[in-house]
Amino acid sequence: MDGCLWIGDDLTPRADEAIAAIREAGKGICFVTNNPRRSAEDYVAKLWRHGIRASGGDVVTVGGATQHLLAETRQGRTAYVIGSETLHKHVTDAGLKVLNGTDLATRAEVVVVGGADEWTSADVRVAAMAARRSGDLIATSLDPT
């Protein structure tokens, strides 16, 4: 969505027309983003603000995809997360116990990194120690931010 349907809060030219044409042709449509900072519900609300009908089932976020992966492959494990509140929630909702802010953080079995606007060198140190110990590091994208 970001950079294709809109840039910032402005729709790209004719994006709404293109979506309408796809729907009029009887085709399904799915809205996808690699931004782990917002939930699917946030994106649905933004789509509606732009006059584009969508439901949570129409939106796939990288946070949701990460949650699905974690739920299928790492449920019940512990995690250290560098990322937004939304990403933290995805990890928790996948059935992992987030150890951020605890004395056991460096012993997390899984490290999840993505879309962190605010992080410290201490966060990176803890994540590196946990990932080195467990060997399990999941990044939501190659985006350097």
N, C-alpha and C. Protein backbone atom coordinates (compact mmCIF):
# COMPACT_ATOMS: atom_id res chain seq x y z
N MET A 1 0.81 -1.19 0.00
CA MET A 1 0.00 0.00 0.00
C MET A 1 0.86 1.26 0.00
N ASP A 2 1.80 1.33 0.95
CA ASP A 2 2.65 2.52 1.06
C ASP A 2 3.49 2.69 -0.21
N GLY A 3 3.36 3.84 -0.83
CA GLY A 3 4.12 4.12 -2.04
C GLY A 3 3.41 3.67 -3.31
N CYS A 4 2.36 2.87 -3.18
CA CYS A 4 1.59 2.43 -4.36
C CYS A 4 0.19 3.03 -4.34
N LEU A 5 -0.56 2.76 -3.27
CA LEU A 5 -1.89 3.35 -3.14
C LEU A 5 -1.83 4.79 -2.66
N TRP A 6 -0.86 5.05 -1.79
CA TRP A 6 -0.72 6.39 -1.25
C TRP A 6 0.73 6.67 -0.92
N ILE A 7 1.00 7.94 -0.84
CA ILE A 7 2.29 8.41 -0.34
C ILE A 7 1.95 9.34 0.81
N GLY A 8 2.37 8.93 2.01
CA GLY A 8 1.96 9.66 3.20
C GLY A 8 0.46 9.49 3.39
N ASP A 9 -0.27 10.61 3.36
CA ASP A 9 -1.72 10.55 3.48
C ASP A 9 -2.44 10.85 2.17
N ASP A 10 -1.70 10.98 1.08
CA ASP A 10 -2.29 11.33 -0.21
C ASP A 10 -2.36 10.11 -1.12
N LEU A 11 -3.57 9.85 -1.66
CA LEU A 11 -3.72 8.78 -2.64
C LEU A 11 -2.85 9.08 -3.86
N THR A 12 -2.29 8.04 -4.44
CA THR A 12 -1.57 8.22 -5.70
C THR A 12 -2.62 8.45 -6.79
N PRO A 13 -2.25 9.13 -7.86
CA PRO A 13 -3.22 9.43 -8.92
C PRO A 13 -3.91 8.17 -9.45
N ARG A 14 -5.22 8.21 -9.44
CA ARG A 14 -6.10 7.18 -10.01
C ARG A 14 -6.06 5.84 -9.28
N ALA A 15 -5.48 5.79 -8.08
CA ALA A 15 -5.44 4.54 -7.32
C ALA A 15 -6.84 4.04 -7.03
N ASP A 16 -7.72 4.93 -6.62
CA ASP A 16 -9.09 4.53 -6.32
C ASP A 16 -9.81 4.03 -7.57
N GLU A 17 -9.53 4.65 -8.71
CA GLU A 17 -10.13 4.22 -9.98
C GLU A 17 -9.63 2.82 -10.36
N ALA A 18 -8.35 2.57 -10.16
CA ALA A 18 -7.78 1.26 -10.49
C ALA A 18 -8.41 0.16 -9.63
N ILE A 19 -8.59 0.44 -8.34
CA ILE A 19 -9.21 -0.55 -7.46
C ILE A 19 -10.65 -0.79 -7.87
N ALA A 20 -11.38 0.27 -8.19
CA ALA A 20 -12.76 0.12 -8.65
C ALA A 20 -12.83 -0.71 -9.92
N ALA A 21 -11.91 -0.49 -10.84
CA ALA A 21 -11.89 -1.25 -12.10
C ALA A 21 -11.62 -2.73 -11.86
N ILE A 22 -10.71 -3.02 -10.95
CA ILE A 22 -10.41 -4.42 -10.61
C ILE A 22 -11.65 -5.09 -10.04
N ARG A 23 -12.34 -4.41 -9.15
CA ARG A 23 -13.55 -4.97 -8.55
C ARG A 23 -14.66 -5.11 -9.57
N GLU A 24 -14.83 -4.12 -10.44
CA GLU A 24 -15.86 -4.18 -11.47
C GLU A 24 -15.62 -5.33 -12.43
N ALA A 25 -14.36 -5.71 -12.61
CA ALA A 25 -14.02 -6.83 -13.48
C ALA A 25 -14.25 -8.18 -12.78
N GLY A 26 -14.71 -8.11 -11.52
CA GLY A 26 -14.99 -9.34 -10.78
C GLY A 26 -13.77 -10.01 -10.18
N LYS A 27 -12.69 -9.28 -10.11
CA LYS A 27 -11.44 -9.82 -9.55
C LYS A 27 -11.38 -9.55 -8.05
N GLY A 28 -10.72 -10.42 -7.34
CA GLY A 28 -10.47 -10.20 -5.92
C GLY A 28 -9.29 -9.26 -5.75
N ILE A 29 -9.24 -8.65 -4.60
CA ILE A 29 -8.13 -7.74 -4.34
C ILE A 29 -7.68 -7.91 -2.89
N CYS A 30 -6.39 -7.82 -2.70
CA CYS A 30 -5.79 -7.91 -1.38
C CYS A 30 -4.81 -6.75 -1.25
N PHE A 31 -4.84 -6.11 -0.09
CA PHE A 31 -3.96 -4.98 0.17
C PHE A 31 -2.81 -5.46 1.05
N VAL A 32 -1.59 -5.22 0.62
CA VAL A 32 -0.41 -5.79 1.28
C VAL A 32 0.56 -4.66 1.65
N THR A 33 1.20 -4.83 2.82
CA THR A 33 2.22 -3.87 3.23
C THR A 33 3.36 -4.58 3.95
N ASN A 34 4.55 -4.06 3.79
CA ASN A 34 5.71 -4.58 4.54
C ASN A 34 6.02 -3.69 5.74
N ASN A 35 5.07 -2.85 6.12
CA ASN A 35 5.25 -1.95 7.26
C ASN A 35 4.70 -2.63 8.52
N PRO A 36 5.57 -3.00 9.48
CA PRO A 36 5.10 -3.69 10.68
C PRO A 36 4.63 -2.75 11.79
N ARG A 37 4.59 -1.45 11.51
CA ARG A 37 4.26 -0.48 12.55
C ARG A 37 2.77 -0.37 12.83
N ARG A 38 1.93 -0.75 11.87
CA ARG A 38 0.48 -0.59 12.02
C ARG A 38 -0.22 -1.93 11.86
N SER A 39 -1.39 -2.00 12.47
CA SER A 39 -2.19 -3.23 12.39
C SER A 39 -3.04 -3.22 11.12
N ALA A 40 -3.59 -4.39 10.80
CA ALA A 40 -4.50 -4.48 9.66
C ALA A 40 -5.69 -3.55 9.85
N GLU A 41 -6.17 -3.44 11.09
CA GLU A 41 -7.30 -2.55 11.38
C GLU A 41 -6.96 -1.10 11.09
N ASP A 42 -5.73 -0.69 11.40
CA ASP A 42 -5.29 0.67 11.09
C ASP A 42 -5.35 0.92 9.58
N TYR A 43 -4.91 -0.08 8.81
CA TYR A 43 -4.93 0.06 7.35
C TYR A 43 -6.34 0.07 6.80
N VAL A 44 -7.22 -0.74 7.38
CA VAL A 44 -8.62 -0.73 6.94
C VAL A 44 -9.22 0.66 7.16
N ALA A 45 -8.96 1.24 8.32
CA ALA A 45 -9.47 2.58 8.61
C ALA A 45 -8.93 3.61 7.61
N LYS A 46 -7.65 3.49 7.27
CA LYS A 46 -7.06 4.44 6.31
C LYS A 46 -7.66 4.25 4.92
N LEU A 47 -7.87 3.01 4.52
CA LEU A 47 -8.51 2.75 3.23
C LEU A 47 -9.90 3.38 3.18
N TRP A 48 -10.68 3.18 4.23
CA TRP A 48 -12.02 3.77 4.29
C TRP A 48 -11.96 5.29 4.25
N ARG A 49 -10.99 5.89 4.94
CA ARG A 49 -10.86 7.36 4.90
C ARG A 49 -10.64 7.85 3.47
N HIS A 50 -10.01 7.01 2.66
CA HIS A 50 -9.77 7.37 1.25
C HIS A 50 -10.90 6.91 0.33
N GLY A 51 -11.99 6.40 0.94
CA GLY A 51 -13.14 5.98 0.13
C GLY A 51 -12.99 4.60 -0.49
N ILE A 52 -12.05 3.83 0.00
CA ILE A 52 -11.82 2.47 -0.53
C ILE A 52 -12.35 1.47 0.48
N ARG A 53 -13.37 0.70 0.07
CA ARG A 53 -13.94 -0.31 0.96
C ARG A 53 -12.96 -1.46 1.15
N ALA A 54 -12.79 -1.86 2.40
CA ALA A 54 -11.91 -3.00 2.72
C ALA A 54 -12.28 -3.53 4.09
N SER A 55 -11.97 -4.77 4.32
CA SER A 55 -12.15 -5.38 5.64
C SER A 55 -10.81 -5.94 6.09
N GLY A 56 -10.75 -6.37 7.34
CA GLY A 56 -9.50 -6.93 7.86
C GLY A 56 -9.01 -8.12 7.06
N GLY A 57 -9.93 -8.87 6.49
CA GLY A 57 -9.55 -10.02 5.67
C GLY A 57 -8.94 -9.65 4.33
N ASP A 58 -9.08 -8.38 3.95
CA ASP A 58 -8.52 -7.91 2.68
C ASP A 58 -7.10 -7.38 2.83
N VAL A 59 -6.61 -7.29 4.08
CA VAL A 59 -5.33 -6.65 4.35
C VAL A 59 -4.34 -7.65 4.92
N VAL A 60 -3.15 -7.69 4.34
CA VAL A 60 -2.07 -8.53 4.84
C VAL A 60 -0.91 -7.62 5.22
N THR A 61 -0.52 -7.68 6.49
CA THR A 61 0.63 -6.90 6.94
C THR A 61 1.79 -7.85 7.21
N VAL A 62 2.99 -7.33 7.18
CA VAL A 62 4.15 -8.16 7.51
C VAL A 62 4.10 -8.58 8.97
N GLY A 63 3.51 -7.74 9.83
CA GLY A 63 3.34 -8.13 11.23
C GLY A 63 2.41 -9.33 11.36
N GLY A 64 1.32 -9.31 10.60
CA GLY A 64 0.40 -10.44 10.59
C GLY A 64 1.04 -11.70 10.04
N ALA A 65 1.84 -11.54 8.98
CA ALA A 65 2.54 -12.69 8.41
C ALA A 65 3.56 -13.24 9.41
N THR A 66 4.24 -12.35 10.12
CA THR A 66 5.19 -12.78 11.15
C THR A 66 4.46 -13.51 12.26
N GLN A 67 3.31 -13.00 12.66
CA GLN A 67 2.50 -13.66 13.69
C GLN A 67 2.13 -15.07 13.25
N HIS A 68 1.70 -15.21 12.01
CA HIS A 68 1.33 -16.53 11.48
C HIS A 68 2.52 -17.49 11.52
N LEU A 69 3.67 -17.02 11.07
CA LEU A 69 4.88 -17.85 11.08
C LEU A 69 5.23 -18.27 12.51
N LEU A 70 5.22 -17.31 13.42
CA LEU A 70 5.57 -17.62 14.81
C LEU A 70 4.58 -18.59 15.44
N ALA A 71 3.29 -18.40 15.18
CA ALA A 71 2.27 -19.29 15.75
C ALA A 71 2.43 -20.71 15.25
N GLU A 72 2.82 -20.86 13.99
CA GLU A 72 2.97 -22.20 13.42
C GLU A 72 4.27 -22.88 13.81
N THR A 73 5.31 -22.08 14.07
CA THR A 73 6.64 -22.70 14.25
C THR A 73 7.30 -22.45 15.59
N ARG A 74 6.81 -21.47 16.37
CA ARG A 74 7.53 -21.12 17.60
C ARG A 74 6.60 -20.83 18.78
N GLN A 75 5.37 -21.23 18.68
CA GLN A 75 4.40 -20.99 19.76
C GLN A 75 4.90 -21.57 21.07
N GLY A 76 4.71 -20.83 22.15
CA GLY A 76 5.13 -21.29 23.46
C GLY A 76 6.55 -20.93 23.84
N ARG A 77 7.30 -20.36 22.90
CA ARG A 77 8.68 -19.96 23.19
C ARG A 77 8.72 -18.54 23.76
N THR A 78 9.90 -18.12 24.14
CA THR A 78 10.11 -16.76 24.63
C THR A 78 10.71 -15.91 23.51
N ALA A 79 10.46 -14.60 23.59
CA ALA A 79 10.94 -13.71 22.52
C ALA A 79 11.43 -12.39 23.08
N TYR A 80 12.38 -11.80 22.35
CA TYR A 80 12.80 -10.43 22.57
C TYR A 80 12.44 -9.69 21.28
N VAL A 81 11.76 -8.54 21.39
CA VAL A 81 11.25 -7.85 20.22
C VAL A 81 11.79 -6.43 20.16
N ILE A 82 12.35 -6.07 19.01
CA ILE A 82 12.67 -4.68 18.71
C ILE A 82 11.70 -4.29 17.61
N GLY A 83 10.74 -3.45 17.97
CA GLY A 83 9.72 -3.06 17.01
C GLY A 83 8.61 -2.27 17.67
N SER A 84 7.61 -1.97 16.89
CA SER A 84 6.49 -1.16 17.35
C SER A 84 5.62 -1.94 18.34
N GLU A 85 4.72 -1.22 19.01
CA GLU A 85 3.75 -1.87 19.90
C GLU A 85 2.93 -2.89 19.12
N THR A 86 2.61 -2.56 17.88
CA THR A 86 1.84 -3.49 17.04
C THR A 86 2.61 -4.78 16.83
N LEU A 87 3.91 -4.69 16.56
CA LEU A 87 4.71 -5.90 16.36
C LEU A 87 4.79 -6.70 17.67
N HIS A 88 4.95 -6.02 18.78
CA HIS A 88 4.95 -6.70 20.09
C HIS A 88 3.65 -7.49 20.26
N LYS A 89 2.52 -6.87 19.90
CA LYS A 89 1.22 -7.54 20.04
C LYS A 89 1.14 -8.75 19.13
N HIS A 90 1.63 -8.64 17.90
CA HIS A 90 1.63 -9.79 16.98
C HIS A 90 2.42 -10.96 17.58
N VAL A 91 3.56 -10.66 18.17
CA VAL A 91 4.39 -11.71 18.77
C VAL A 91 3.65 -12.37 19.94
N THR A 92 3.06 -11.55 20.79
CA THR A 92 2.29 -12.08 21.92
C THR A 92 1.09 -12.89 21.44
N ASP A 93 0.37 -12.36 20.45
CA ASP A 93 -0.80 -13.05 19.92
C ASP A 93 -0.43 -14.37 19.24
N ALA A 94 0.82 -14.52 18.83
CA ALA A 94 1.28 -15.78 18.24
C ALA A 94 1.55 -16.84 19.29
N GLY A 95 1.48 -16.43 20.57
CA GLY A 95 1.67 -17.40 21.64
C GLY A 95 3.07 -17.41 22.22
N LEU A 96 3.85 -16.36 21.99
CA LEU A 96 5.18 -16.26 22.57
C LEU A 96 5.14 -15.33 23.77
N LYS A 97 6.00 -15.56 24.72
CA LYS A 97 6.11 -14.68 25.88
C LYS A 97 7.24 -13.70 25.62
N VAL A 98 6.91 -12.41 25.59
CA VAL A 98 7.90 -11.38 25.33
C VAL A 98 8.65 -11.07 26.62
N LEU A 99 9.98 -11.15 26.56
CA LEU A 99 10.83 -10.96 27.73
C LEU A 99 11.44 -9.57 27.84
N ASN A 100 11.06 -8.66 26.96
CA ASN A 100 11.59 -7.29 27.03
C ASN A 100 11.38 -6.73 28.43
N GLY A 101 12.40 -6.06 28.95
CA GLY A 101 12.29 -5.43 30.25
C GLY A 101 12.44 -6.37 31.43
N THR A 102 12.82 -7.61 31.16
CA THR A 102 13.01 -8.57 32.25
C THR A 102 14.49 -8.95 32.35
N ASP A 103 14.85 -9.58 33.46
CA ASP A 103 16.22 -10.05 33.64
C ASP A 103 16.56 -11.22 32.71
N LEU A 104 15.55 -11.82 32.11
CA LEU A 104 15.76 -12.99 31.24
C LEU A 104 15.81 -12.63 29.76
N ALA A 105 15.77 -11.35 29.42
CA ALA A 105 15.69 -10.94 28.02
C ALA A 105 16.81 -11.51 27.16
N THR A 106 18.03 -11.59 27.68
CA THR A 106 19.15 -12.11 26.88
C THR A 106 19.03 -13.62 26.66
N ARG A 107 18.09 -14.26 27.32
CA ARG A 107 17.88 -15.71 27.17
C ARG A 107 16.68 -16.03 26.28
N ALA A 108 16.11 -15.00 25.64
CA ALA A 108 14.96 -15.23 24.76
C ALA A 108 15.32 -16.25 23.68
N GLU A 109 14.37 -17.11 23.38
CA GLU A 109 14.60 -18.16 22.39
C GLU A 109 14.47 -17.66 20.95
N VAL A 110 13.76 -16.55 20.77
CA VAL A 110 13.53 -15.97 19.45
C VAL A 110 13.72 -14.46 19.55
N VAL A 111 14.38 -13.88 18.57
CA VAL A 111 14.51 -12.42 18.48
C VAL A 111 13.74 -11.99 17.24
N VAL A 112 12.84 -11.02 17.42
CA VAL A 112 12.04 -10.50 16.30
C VAL A 112 12.35 -9.02 16.17
N VAL A 113 12.71 -8.60 14.96
CA VAL A 113 13.09 -7.21 14.69
C VAL A 113 12.28 -6.70 13.51
N GLY A 114 11.74 -5.49 13.65
CA GLY A 114 11.06 -4.90 12.51
C GLY A 114 10.41 -3.57 12.82
N GLY A 115 10.63 -2.60 11.99
CA GLY A 115 9.94 -1.33 12.06
C GLY A 115 10.07 -0.60 13.37
N ALA A 116 11.25 -0.56 13.93
CA ALA A 116 11.46 0.11 15.20
C ALA A 116 11.83 1.56 14.97
N ASP A 117 10.97 2.46 15.43
CA ASP A 117 11.28 3.89 15.31
C ASP A 117 12.20 4.34 16.42
N GLU A 118 12.07 3.71 17.57
CA GLU A 118 12.91 4.07 18.72
C GLU A 118 13.55 2.81 19.27
N TRP A 119 14.86 2.78 19.26
CA TRP A 119 15.61 1.67 19.83
C TRP A 119 16.92 2.22 20.35
N THR A 120 17.53 1.45 21.22
CA THR A 120 18.77 1.90 21.83
C THR A 120 19.87 0.87 21.57
N SER A 121 21.09 1.27 21.86
CA SER A 121 22.19 0.30 21.74
C SER A 121 21.99 -0.83 22.73
N ALA A 122 21.35 -0.56 23.87
CA ALA A 122 21.05 -1.63 24.83
C ALA A 122 20.09 -2.65 24.23
N ASP A 123 19.10 -2.18 23.44
CA ASP A 123 18.18 -3.10 22.76
C ASP A 123 18.95 -4.02 21.81
N VAL A 124 19.86 -3.43 21.05
CA VAL A 124 20.64 -4.20 20.09
C VAL A 124 21.55 -5.19 20.81
N ARG A 125 22.14 -4.77 21.91
CA ARG A 125 23.01 -5.66 22.70
C ARG A 125 22.23 -6.87 23.20
N VAL A 126 21.07 -6.63 23.80
CA VAL A 126 20.24 -7.73 24.31
C VAL A 126 19.81 -8.64 23.17
N ALA A 127 19.36 -8.05 22.07
CA ALA A 127 18.92 -8.85 20.92
C ALA A 127 20.07 -9.69 20.37
N ALA A 128 21.26 -9.09 20.27
CA ALA A 128 22.42 -9.83 19.75
C ALA A 128 22.80 -10.99 20.67
N MET A 129 22.76 -10.74 21.98
CA MET A 129 23.10 -11.80 22.93
C MET A 129 22.09 -12.94 22.84
N ALA A 130 20.81 -12.60 22.76
CA ALA A 130 19.77 -13.63 22.67
C ALA A 130 19.88 -14.39 21.35
N ALA A 131 20.08 -13.68 20.25
CA ALA A 131 20.16 -14.33 18.94
C ALA A 131 21.41 -15.20 18.84
N ARG A 132 22.51 -14.74 19.42
CA ARG A 132 23.73 -15.55 19.40
C ARG A 132 23.53 -16.84 20.19
N ARG A 133 22.83 -16.72 21.29
CA ARG A 133 22.59 -17.88 22.14
C ARG A 133 21.63 -18.88 21.48
N SER A 134 20.54 -18.35 20.87
CA SER A 134 19.51 -19.24 20.33
C SER A 134 19.67 -19.51 18.84
N GLY A 135 20.28 -18.58 18.13
CA GLY A 135 20.41 -18.73 16.68
C GLY A 135 19.13 -18.44 15.92
N ASP A 136 18.12 -17.87 16.58
CA ASP A 136 16.81 -17.67 15.95
C ASP A 136 16.48 -16.18 15.88
N LEU A 137 16.76 -15.57 14.74
CA LEU A 137 16.51 -14.15 14.51
C LEU A 137 15.56 -14.01 13.34
N ILE A 138 14.46 -13.30 13.57
CA ILE A 138 13.47 -13.07 12.51
C ILE A 138 13.36 -11.58 12.29
N ALA A 139 13.62 -11.14 11.06
CA ALA A 139 13.46 -9.74 10.68
C ALA A 139 12.27 -9.65 9.73
N THR A 140 11.44 -8.62 9.92
CA THR A 140 10.23 -8.53 9.12
C THR A 140 10.47 -8.10 7.68
N SER A 141 11.63 -7.50 7.42
CA SER A 141 11.95 -7.12 6.04
C SER A 141 13.41 -6.72 5.95
N LEU A 142 13.84 -6.47 4.74
CA LEU A 142 15.21 -6.03 4.53
C LEU A 142 15.34 -4.52 4.65
N ASP A 143 14.22 -3.84 4.86
CA ASP A 143 14.20 -2.38 4.99
C ASP A 143 15.13 -1.96 6.13
N PRO A 144 16.17 -1.16 5.86
CA PRO A 144 17.14 -0.80 6.90
C PRO A 144 16.55 0.07 8.00
N THR A 145 15.34 0.64 7.81
CA THR A 145 14.73 1.43 8.89
C THR A 145 14.00 0.53 9.83
